């Protein structure tokens, strides 16, 4: 019998992992989340607080999954403060997944911050298919680098390459993910590009991909209240990110005039990126 993904499931947090002082991973048992496709997301309910969208993090245990939170707003802070044994609610997984084209034999993956979460699920997926990839992992400082050891463990036997960069040069290569990508596409050949992270970063990745005639897919983040296409809070031009995405390709992105320019806050007001 097929489980209704729209029916809220209550799960217990079985492990918490401190990634950085402001980033934490919460592990729970849930078969639907465990089977989520790369790029899909959950609606996470924090009892008596809020319900927020979160990408599905991988976990090595059968039947388990996780979410990774950066302590920032009201809902994310409340979720960040949950402890082992606390209960949360889940709906989903929702959204469209990253797709691997048949001719993609060498992949470039660009991620920043918690945008690495859906990309790690993608990395895990393509590693099982022995597809070679170059992964660029970006952060502002050394203290904000996380998932490096996990990523190296996933790609250990595939011949894939991990490049870590920081804006201030305190760890890895000094520079942004976009500047690192610029050098990579100049010196090497790739079949396709996948990205997730801050939208201004992704805009740079998409523009570089277009300039080099590389197919690109980006997983976008927008404020969501329902996750099922009813509230319209996640609208991006004529698209609903929860239903039409969150993964969009270069053709779809080319029609989105607000991509990398503005977003909508909780009140639905359009706010320009600084």
C-alpha atoms as a PDB file:
ATOM      1  CA  UNK A   1       0.000   0.000   0.000  1.00  0.00           C
ATOM      2  CA  UNK A   2       1.351   3.391  -1.015  1.00  0.00           C
ATOM      3  CA  UNK A   3       2.006   5.794   1.862  1.00  0.00           C
ATOM      4  CA  UNK A   4       0.448   9.254   1.591  1.00  0.00           C
ATOM      5  CA  UNK A   5       3.361  11.689   1.556  1.00  0.00           C
ATOM      6  CA  UNK A   6       0.972  14.533   2.448  1.00  0.00           C
ATOM      7  CA  UNK A   7       0.017  12.933   5.771  1.00  0.00           C
ATOM      8  CA  UNK A   8       2.220  14.222   8.578  1.00  0.00           C
ATOM      9  CA  UNK A   9       4.471  11.596  10.169  1.00  0.00           C
ATOM     10  CA  UNK A  10       5.783  12.113  13.708  1.00  0.00           C
ATOM     11  CA  UNK A  11       9.360  10.938  14.217  1.00  0.00           C
ATOM     12  CA  UNK A  12      11.819  11.046  17.085  1.00  0.00           C
ATOM     13  CA  UNK A  13      15.233  12.651  16.726  1.00  0.00           C
ATOM     14  CA  UNK A  14      17.685   9.816  17.353  1.00  0.00           C
ATOM     15  CA  UNK A  15      20.970  11.669  16.937  1.00  0.00           C
ATOM     16  CA  UNK A  16      22.219  15.236  16.700  1.00  0.00           C
ATOM     17  CA  UNK A  17      25.517  16.140  15.010  1.00  0.00           C
ATOM     18  CA  UNK A  18      27.130  19.538  15.537  1.00  0.00           C
ATOM     19  CA  UNK A  19      28.659  20.447  12.172  1.00  0.00           C
ATOM     20  CA  UNK A  20      29.702  24.000  13.179  1.00  0.00           C
ATOM     21  CA  UNK A  21      28.622  26.301  16.035  1.00  0.00           C
ATOM     22  CA  UNK A  22      25.620  27.390  13.920  1.00  0.00           C
ATOM     23  CA  UNK A  23      24.947  24.252  11.837  1.00  0.00           C
ATOM     24  CA  UNK A  24      23.497  21.004  13.153  1.00  0.00           C
ATOM     25  CA  UNK A  25      22.276  17.739  11.595  1.00  0.00           C
ATOM     26  CA  UNK A  26      19.263  15.917  13.068  1.00  0.00           C
ATOM     27  CA  UNK A  27      18.972  12.187  12.330  1.00  0.00           C
ATOM     28  CA  UNK A  28      15.671  10.277  12.406  1.00  0.00           C
ATOM     29  CA  UNK A  29      14.153   7.037  11.142  1.00  0.00           C
ATOM     30  CA  UNK A  30      11.751   7.421   8.219  1.00  0.00           C
ATOM     31  CA  UNK A  31      11.597   5.144   5.183  1.00  0.00           C
ATOM     32  CA  UNK A  32      10.106   7.756   2.851  1.00  0.00           C
ATOM     33  CA  UNK A  33      12.838  10.270   3.640  1.00  0.00           C
ATOM     34  CA  UNK A  34      15.503   7.575   3.298  1.00  0.00           C
ATOM     35  CA  UNK A  35      14.271   6.890  -0.246  1.00  0.00           C
ATOM     36  CA  UNK A  36      14.099  10.571  -1.288  1.00  0.00           C
ATOM     37  CA  UNK A  37      15.614  11.449  -4.653  1.00  0.00           C
ATOM     38  CA  UNK A  38      18.510  13.946  -4.946  1.00  0.00           C
ATOM     39  CA  UNK A  39      17.006  17.434  -4.813  1.00  0.00           C
ATOM     40  CA  UNK A  40      13.754  16.589  -3.049  1.00  0.00           C
ATOM     41  CA  UNK A  41      12.720  18.250   0.219  1.00  0.00           C
ATOM     42  CA  UNK A  42      10.613  17.714   3.339  1.00  0.00           C
ATOM     43  CA  UNK A  43       8.240  20.015   5.157  1.00  0.00           C
ATOM     44  CA  UNK A  44       9.445  19.848   8.768  1.00  0.00           C
ATOM     45  CA  UNK A  45       6.972  20.695  11.543  1.00  0.00           C
ATOM     46  CA  UNK A  46       8.378  21.974  14.815  1.00  0.00           C
ATOM     47  CA  UNK A  47       5.481  21.499  17.283  1.00  0.00           C
ATOM     48  CA  UNK A  48       3.828  24.759  18.382  1.00  0.00           C
ATOM     49  CA  UNK A  49       6.411  26.746  16.385  1.00  0.00           C
ATOM     50  CA  UNK A  50       6.393  26.540  12.579  1.00  0.00           C
ATOM     51  CA  UNK A  51       6.648  24.294   9.525  1.00  0.00           C
ATOM     52  CA  UNK A  52       9.618  24.867   7.200  1.00  0.00           C
ATOM     53  CA  UNK A  53      11.082  23.233   4.048  1.00  0.00           C
ATOM     54  CA  UNK A  54      14.353  21.322   4.412  1.00  0.00           C
ATOM     55  CA  UNK A  55      16.414  19.317   1.911  1.00  0.00           C
ATOM     56  CA  UNK A  56      16.839  15.644   2.783  1.00  0.00           C
ATOM     57  CA  UNK A  57      20.300  14.771   4.085  1.00  0.00           C
ATOM     58  CA  UNK A  58      21.766  11.314   3.543  1.00  0.00           C
ATOM     59  CA  UNK A  59      22.433   8.839   6.343  1.00  0.00           C
ATOM     60  CA  UNK A  60      24.354   5.573   6.174  1.00  0.00           C
ATOM     61  CA  UNK A  61      21.852   3.580   8.247  1.00  0.00           C
ATOM     62  CA  UNK A  62      19.120   1.727   6.372  1.00  0.00           C
ATOM     63  CA  UNK A  63      15.767   3.480   6.747  1.00  0.00           C
ATOM     64  CA  UNK A  64      17.263   6.640   8.268  1.00  0.00           C
ATOM     65  CA  UNK A  65      17.584  10.181   6.948  1.00  0.00           C
ATOM     66  CA  UNK A  66      18.420  13.616   8.329  1.00  0.00           C
ATOM     67  CA  UNK A  67      18.071  17.354   7.913  1.00  0.00           C
ATOM     68  CA  UNK A  68      20.837  19.911   8.335  1.00  0.00           C
ATOM     69  CA  UNK A  69      19.897  23.307   9.781  1.00  0.00           C
ATOM     70  CA  UNK A  70      21.699  26.597   9.941  1.00  0.00           C
ATOM     71  CA  UNK A  71      20.602  28.639  12.971  1.00  0.00           C
ATOM     72  CA  UNK A  72      19.160  31.776  11.428  1.00  0.00           C
ATOM     73  CA  UNK A  73      15.439  32.605  11.492  1.00  0.00           C
ATOM     74  CA  UNK A  74      12.634  31.841  13.925  1.00  0.00           C
ATOM     75  CA  UNK A  75      11.773  28.372  12.610  1.00  0.00           C
ATOM     76  CA  UNK A  76      15.323  27.251  11.825  1.00  0.00           C
ATOM     77  CA  UNK A  77      16.537  28.348  15.268  1.00  0.00           C
ATOM     78  CA  UNK A  78      13.739  26.386  16.953  1.00  0.00           C
ATOM     79  CA  UNK A  79      14.654  23.310  14.903  1.00  0.00           C
ATOM     80  CA  UNK A  80      18.366  23.826  15.602  1.00  0.00           C
ATOM     81  CA  UNK A  81      17.628  23.720  19.324  1.00  0.00           C
ATOM     82  CA  UNK A  82      15.814  20.354  19.168  1.00  0.00           C
ATOM     83  CA  UNK A  83      17.574  17.590  21.090  1.00  0.00           C
ATOM     84  CA  UNK A  84      17.862  13.830  20.922  1.00  0.00           C
ATOM     85  CA  UNK A  85      14.494  12.324  21.885  1.00  0.00           C
ATOM     86  CA  UNK A  86      12.452  15.351  20.746  1.00  0.00           C
ATOM     87  CA  UNK A  87       9.633  14.848  18.261  1.00  0.00           C
ATOM     88  CA  UNK A  88       9.216  16.574  14.902  1.00  0.00           C
ATOM     89  CA  UNK A  89       6.723  16.148  12.081  1.00  0.00           C
ATOM     90  CA  UNK A  90       7.451  15.325   8.436  1.00  0.00           C
ATOM     91  CA  UNK A  91       5.585  15.664   5.152  1.00  0.00           C
ATOM     92  CA  UNK A  92       7.000  14.712   1.779  1.00  0.00           C
ATOM     93  CA  UNK A  93       9.413  14.185   0.140  1.00  0.00           C
ATOM     94  CA  UNK A  94       8.285  16.781  -2.392  1.00  0.00           C
ATOM     95  CA  UNK A  95       9.676  18.389  -5.513  1.00  0.00           C
ATOM     96  CA  UNK A  96      11.510  17.389  -8.651  1.00  0.00           C
ATOM     97  CA  UNK A  97      14.889  15.677  -8.494  1.00  0.00           C
ATOM     98  CA  UNK A  98      18.230  16.289 -10.158  1.00  0.00           C
ATOM     99  CA  UNK A  99      18.409  14.289 -13.379  1.00  0.00           C
ATOM    100  CA  UNK A 100      21.501  12.715 -14.922  1.00  0.00           C
ATOM    101  CA  UNK A 101      21.592  12.927 -18.712  1.00  0.00           C
ATOM    102  CA  UNK A 102      22.895   9.892 -20.565  1.00  0.00           C
ATOM    103  CA  UNK A 103      25.854  11.811 -21.963  1.00  0.00           C
ATOM    104  CA  UNK A 104      26.966  13.103 -18.542  1.00  0.00           C
ATOM    105  CA  UNK A 105      30.154  11.176 -17.835  1.00  0.00           C
ATOM    106  CA  UNK A 106      32.083  13.951 -16.117  1.00  0.00           C
ATOM    107  CA  UNK A 107      30.132  16.173 -13.745  1.00  0.00           C
ATOM    108  CA  UNK A 108      30.922  19.451 -12.006  1.00  0.00           C
ATOM    109  CA  UNK A 109      29.137  20.028  -8.693  1.00  0.00           C
ATOM    110  CA  UNK A 110      29.207  23.460  -7.028  1.00  0.00           C
ATOM    111  CA  UNK A 111      27.855  23.876  -3.495  1.00  0.00           C
ATOM    112  CA  UNK A 112      27.913  26.365  -0.662  1.00  0.00           C
ATOM    113  CA  UNK A 113      26.671  26.241   2.932  1.00  0.00           C
ATOM    114  CA  UNK A 114      23.669  24.021   3.618  1.00  0.00           C
ATOM    115  CA  UNK A 115      23.143  23.907  -0.146  1.00  0.00           C
ATOM    116  CA  UNK A 116      25.531  20.953   0.072  1.00  0.00           C
ATOM    117  CA  UNK A 117      22.730  18.801   1.529  1.00  0.00           C
ATOM    118  CA  UNK A 118      20.892  17.911  -1.726  1.00  0.00           C
ATOM    119  CA  UNK A 119      24.214  17.814  -3.576  1.00  0.00           C
ATOM    120  CA  UNK A 120      25.588  15.161  -1.207  1.00  0.00           C
ATOM    121  CA  UNK A 121      22.589  12.979  -1.967  1.00  0.00           C
ATOM    122  CA  UNK A 122      23.432  13.508  -5.644  1.00  0.00           C
ATOM    123  CA  UNK A 123      27.114  12.713  -5.043  1.00  0.00           C
ATOM    124  CA  UNK A 124      26.144   9.505  -3.241  1.00  0.00           C
ATOM    125  CA  UNK A 125      23.844   8.549  -6.116  1.00  0.00           C
ATOM    126  CA  UNK A 126      26.354   9.127  -8.921  1.00  0.00           C
ATOM    127  CA  UNK A 127      29.185   7.496  -6.956  1.00  0.00           C
ATOM    128  CA  UNK A 128      27.245   4.227  -7.002  1.00  0.00           C
ATOM    129  CA  UNK A 129      27.075   4.559 -10.799  1.00  0.00           C
ATOM    130  CA  UNK A 130      30.846   5.165 -10.982  1.00  0.00           C
ATOM    131  CA  UNK A 131      30.364   8.574 -12.601  1.00  0.00           C
ATOM    132  CA  UNK A 132      33.392  10.812 -12.161  1.00  0.00           C
ATOM    133  CA  UNK A 133      32.745  14.210 -10.609  1.00  0.00           C
ATOM    134  CA  UNK A 134      34.568  17.307  -9.429  1.00  0.00           C
ATOM    135  CA  UNK A 135      32.981  18.817  -6.331  1.00  0.00           C
ATOM    136  CA  UNK A 136      33.630  22.409  -5.282  1.00  0.00           C
ATOM    137  CA  UNK A 137      32.668  23.046  -1.663  1.00  0.00           C
ATOM    138  CA  UNK A 138      32.617  26.673  -0.562  1.00  0.00           C
ATOM    139  CA  UNK A 139      32.421  28.515   2.754  1.00  0.00           C
ATOM    140  CA  UNK A 140      33.287  31.957   4.083  1.00  0.00           C
ATOM    141  CA  UNK A 141      35.874  30.767   6.606  1.00  0.00           C
ATOM    142  CA  UNK A 142      37.547  27.564   7.841  1.00  0.00           C
ATOM    143  CA  UNK A 143      35.129  27.426  10.787  1.00  0.00           C
ATOM    144  CA  UNK A 144      32.169  27.205   8.397  1.00  0.00           C
ATOM    145  CA  UNK A 145      33.473  24.249   6.365  1.00  0.00           C
ATOM    146  CA  UNK A 146      31.467  21.087   6.995  1.00  0.00           C
ATOM    147  CA  UNK A 147      30.709  17.751   5.257  1.00  0.00           C
ATOM    148  CA  UNK A 148      34.295  17.578   3.965  1.00  0.00           C
ATOM    149  CA  UNK A 149      35.141  14.232   5.618  1.00  0.00           C
ATOM    150  CA  UNK A 150      31.768  12.748   4.637  1.00  0.00           C
ATOM    151  CA  UNK A 151      32.201  13.831   1.022  1.00  0.00           C
ATOM    152  CA  UNK A 152      35.712  12.368   0.833  1.00  0.00           C
ATOM    153  CA  UNK A 153      34.386   9.103   2.247  1.00  0.00           C
ATOM    154  CA  UNK A 154      31.653   8.930  -0.409  1.00  0.00           C
ATOM    155  CA  UNK A 155      33.960   9.619  -3.346  1.00  0.00           C
ATOM    156  CA  UNK A 156      36.960   7.665  -2.027  1.00  0.00           C
ATOM    157  CA  UNK A 157      36.741   4.848  -4.582  1.00  0.00           C
ATOM    158  CA  UNK A 158      35.380   6.758  -7.589  1.00  0.00           C
ATOM    159  CA  UNK A 159      38.369   8.840  -8.646  1.00  0.00           C
ATOM    160  CA  UNK A 160      36.335  11.988  -8.116  1.00  0.00           C
ATOM    161  CA  UNK A 161      37.916  15.220  -6.897  1.00  0.00           C
ATOM    162  CA  UNK A 162      36.915  17.453  -3.975  1.00  0.00           C
ATOM    163  CA  UNK A 163      38.026  21.088  -3.902  1.00  0.00           C
ATOM    164  CA  UNK A 164      37.403  23.174  -0.773  1.00  0.00           C
ATOM    165  CA  UNK A 165      37.555  26.962  -0.983  1.00  0.00           C
ATOM    166  CA  UNK A 166      36.998  29.775   1.500  1.00  0.00           C
ATOM    167  CA  UNK A 167      36.355  33.449   0.850  1.00  0.00           C
ATOM    168  CA  UNK A 168      39.056  34.563   3.276  1.00  0.00           C
ATOM    169  CA  UNK A 169      41.600  31.874   2.360  1.00  0.00           C
ATOM    170  CA  UNK A 170      41.691  30.439   5.893  1.00  0.00           C
ATOM    171  CA  UNK A 171      41.266  26.905   4.468  1.00  0.00           C
ATOM    172  CA  UNK A 172      41.648  25.339   1.047  1.00  0.00           C
ATOM    173  CA  UNK A 173      41.775  27.619  -1.991  1.00  0.00           C
ATOM    174  CA  UNK A 174      41.209  31.320  -1.398  1.00  0.00           C
ATOM    175  CA  UNK A 175      38.249  32.567  -3.392  1.00  0.00           C
ATOM    176  CA  UNK A 176      34.601  31.939  -4.136  1.00  0.00           C
ATOM    177  CA  UNK A 177      33.104  28.804  -5.666  1.00  0.00           C
ATOM    178  CA  UNK A 178      32.387  30.806  -8.824  1.00  0.00           C
ATOM    179  CA  UNK A 179      36.008  31.911  -9.196  1.00  0.00           C
ATOM    180  CA  UNK A 180      37.162  28.304  -8.702  1.00  0.00           C
ATOM    181  CA  UNK A 181      34.608  27.121 -11.274  1.00  0.00           C
ATOM    182  CA  UNK A 182      35.838  29.742 -13.750  1.00  0.00           C
ATOM    183  CA  UNK A 183      39.331  28.220 -13.651  1.00  0.00           C
ATOM    184  CA  UNK A 184      38.046  24.642 -13.794  1.00  0.00           C
ATOM    185  CA  UNK A 185      35.937  25.121 -16.921  1.00  0.00           C
ATOM    186  CA  UNK A 186      38.848  26.939 -18.568  1.00  0.00           C
ATOM    187  CA  UNK A 187      41.313  24.124 -17.846  1.00  0.00           C
ATOM    188  CA  UNK A 188      39.095  21.023 -18.029  1.00  0.00           C
ATOM    189  CA  UNK A 189      36.062  19.586 -19.830  1.00  0.00           C
ATOM    190  CA  UNK A 190      32.726  18.772 -18.187  1.00  0.00           C
ATOM    191  CA  UNK A 191      29.443  17.413 -19.511  1.00  0.00           C
ATOM    192  CA  UNK A 192      27.066  19.058 -17.043  1.00  0.00           C
ATOM    193  CA  UNK A 193      26.909  21.198 -13.891  1.00  0.00           C
ATOM    194  CA  UNK A 194      24.834  20.889 -10.704  1.00  0.00           C
ATOM    195  CA  UNK A 195      24.574  23.571  -8.040  1.00  0.00           C
ATOM    196  CA  UNK A 196      22.859  24.517  -4.789  1.00  0.00           C
ATOM    197  CA  UNK A 197      23.627  27.239  -2.268  1.00  0.00           C
ATOM    198  CA  UNK A 198      23.159  30.992  -1.898  1.00  0.00           C
ATOM    199  CA  UNK A 199      21.200  32.286  -4.885  1.00  0.00           C
ATOM    200  CA  UNK A 200      23.761  34.907  -5.888  1.00  0.00           C
ATOM    201  CA  UNK A 201      26.357  32.129  -6.019  1.00  0.00           C
ATOM    202  CA  UNK A 202      24.070  29.978  -8.156  1.00  0.00           C
ATOM    203  CA  UNK A 203      23.401  32.867 -10.507  1.00  0.00           C
ATOM    204  CA  UNK A 204      27.153  33.114 -11.102  1.00  0.00           C
ATOM    205  CA  UNK A 205      27.370  29.349 -11.666  1.00  0.00           C
ATOM    206  CA  UNK A 206      24.497  29.419 -14.162  1.00  0.00           C
ATOM    207  CA  UNK A 207      25.979  32.378 -16.049  1.00  0.00           C
ATOM    208  CA  UNK A 208      29.370  30.634 -16.314  1.00  0.00           C
ATOM    209  CA  UNK A 209      27.660  27.438 -17.463  1.00  0.00           C
ATOM    210  CA  UNK A 210      25.772  29.312 -20.151  1.00  0.00           C
ATOM    211  CA  UNK A 211      28.926  31.062 -21.327  1.00  0.00           C
ATOM    212  CA  UNK A 212      30.604  27.664 -21.729  1.00  0.00           C
ATOM    213  CA  UNK A 213      27.549  25.922 -23.258  1.00  0.00           C
ATOM    214  CA  UNK A 214      27.271  23.559 -20.294  1.00  0.00           C
ATOM    215  CA  UNK A 215      23.897  22.102 -19.257  1.00  0.00           C
ATOM    216  CA  UNK A 216      23.213  23.173 -15.673  1.00  0.00           C
ATOM    217  CA  UNK A 217      20.664  22.312 -12.980  1.00  0.00           C
ATOM    218  CA  UNK A 218      20.136  24.410  -9.857  1.00  0.00           C
ATOM    219  CA  UNK A 219      18.142  23.625  -6.719  1.00  0.00           C
ATOM    220  CA  UNK A 220      16.470  26.846  -5.583  1.00  0.00           C
ATOM    221  CA  UNK A 221      15.336  27.907  -2.124  1.00  0.00           C
ATOM    222  CA  UNK A 222      12.213  29.970  -1.535  1.00  0.00           C
ATOM    223  CA  UNK A 223       9.989  30.590   1.473  1.00  0.00           C
ATOM    224  CA  UNK A 224       7.240  27.922   1.580  1.00  0.00           C
ATOM    225  CA  UNK A 225       4.147  27.581   3.727  1.00  0.00           C
ATOM    226  CA  UNK A 226       2.546  24.471   2.209  1.00  0.00           C
ATOM    227  CA  UNK A 227       4.992  22.686  -0.111  1.00  0.00           C
ATOM    228  CA  UNK A 228       2.147  21.470  -2.349  1.00  0.00           C
ATOM    229  CA  UNK A 229       1.427  24.434  -4.621  1.00  0.00           C
ATOM    230  CA  UNK A 230      -1.499  26.008  -2.749  1.00  0.00           C
ATOM    231  CA  UNK A 231      -0.168  29.046  -0.879  1.00  0.00           C
ATOM    232  CA  UNK A 232       1.897  30.600  -3.673  1.00  0.00           C
ATOM    233  CA  UNK A 233       4.538  31.826  -1.210  1.00  0.00           C
ATOM    234  CA  UNK A 234       7.366  30.262  -3.209  1.00  0.00           C
ATOM    235  CA  UNK A 235       6.445  31.809  -6.552  1.00  0.00           C
ATOM    236  CA  UNK A 236       9.380  32.781  -8.754  1.00  0.00           C
ATOM    237  CA  UNK A 237       8.015  34.696 -11.718  1.00  0.00           C
ATOM    238  CA  UNK A 238       5.419  32.240 -13.107  1.00  0.00           C
ATOM    239  CA  UNK A 239       6.873  29.137 -11.413  1.00  0.00           C
ATOM    240  CA  UNK A 240       6.122  27.597  -8.029  1.00  0.00           C
ATOM    241  CA  UNK A 241       9.416  26.361  -6.618  1.00  0.00           C
ATOM    242  CA  UNK A 242       7.765  23.616  -4.540  1.00  0.00           C
ATOM    243  CA  UNK A 243       5.915  22.074  -7.498  1.00  0.00           C
ATOM    244  CA  UNK A 244       7.879  23.092 -10.599  1.00  0.00           C
ATOM    245  CA  UNK A 245      11.254  22.658  -8.832  1.00  0.00           C
ATOM    246  CA  UNK A 246      13.069  22.907  -6.611  1.00  0.00           C
ATOM    247  CA  UNK A 247      15.421  21.780  -9.375  1.00  0.00           C
ATOM    248  CA  UNK A 248      15.417  23.854 -12.564  1.00  0.00           C
ATOM    249  CA  UNK A 249      17.523  23.548 -15.715  1.00  0.00           C
ATOM    250  CA  UNK A 250      19.192  26.277 -17.760  1.00  0.00           C
ATOM    251  CA  UNK A 251      16.212  26.746 -20.101  1.00  0.00           C
ATOM    252  CA  UNK A 252      13.796  27.219 -17.210  1.00  0.00           C
ATOM    253  CA  UNK A 253      16.182  29.531 -15.363  1.00  0.00           C
ATOM    254  CA  UNK A 254      16.622  31.726 -18.442  1.00  0.00           C
ATOM    255  CA  UNK A 255      12.943  32.728 -18.233  1.00  0.00           C
ATOM    256  CA  UNK A 256      13.074  33.641 -14.516  1.00  0.00           C
ATOM    257  CA  UNK A 257      13.717  37.368 -14.380  1.00  0.00           C
ATOM    258  CA  UNK A 258      13.816  37.403 -10.547  1.00  0.00           C
ATOM    259  CA  UNK A 259      16.416  34.623 -10.256  1.00  0.00           C
ATOM    260  CA  UNK A 260      19.421  36.090  -8.452  1.00  0.00           C
ATOM    261  CA  UNK A 261      17.720  39.487  -8.325  1.00  0.00           C
ATOM    262  CA  UNK A 262      15.000  39.280  -5.675  1.00  0.00           C
ATOM    263  CA  UNK A 263      13.053  36.979  -3.349  1.00  0.00           C
ATOM    264  CA  UNK A 264       9.832  37.172  -1.322  1.00  0.00           C
ATOM    265  CA  UNK A 265       9.737  37.430   2.482  1.00  0.00           C
ATOM    266  CA  UNK A 266       7.182  35.833   4.809  1.00  0.00           C
ATOM    267  CA  UNK A 267       4.693  38.585   4.013  1.00  0.00           C
ATOM    268  CA  UNK A 268       5.061  38.004   0.281  1.00  0.00           C
ATOM    269  CA  UNK A 269       6.889  41.263  -0.301  1.00  0.00           C
ATOM    270  CA  UNK A 270       9.565  41.270  -2.979  1.00  0.00           C
ATOM    271  CA  UNK A 271      13.010  42.020  -1.549  1.00  0.00           C
ATOM    272  CA  UNK A 272      16.082  42.702  -3.689  1.00  0.00           C
ATOM    273  CA  UNK A 273      19.333  40.918  -2.913  1.00  0.00           C
ATOM    274  CA  UNK A 274      21.884  43.353  -1.531  1.00  0.00           C
END
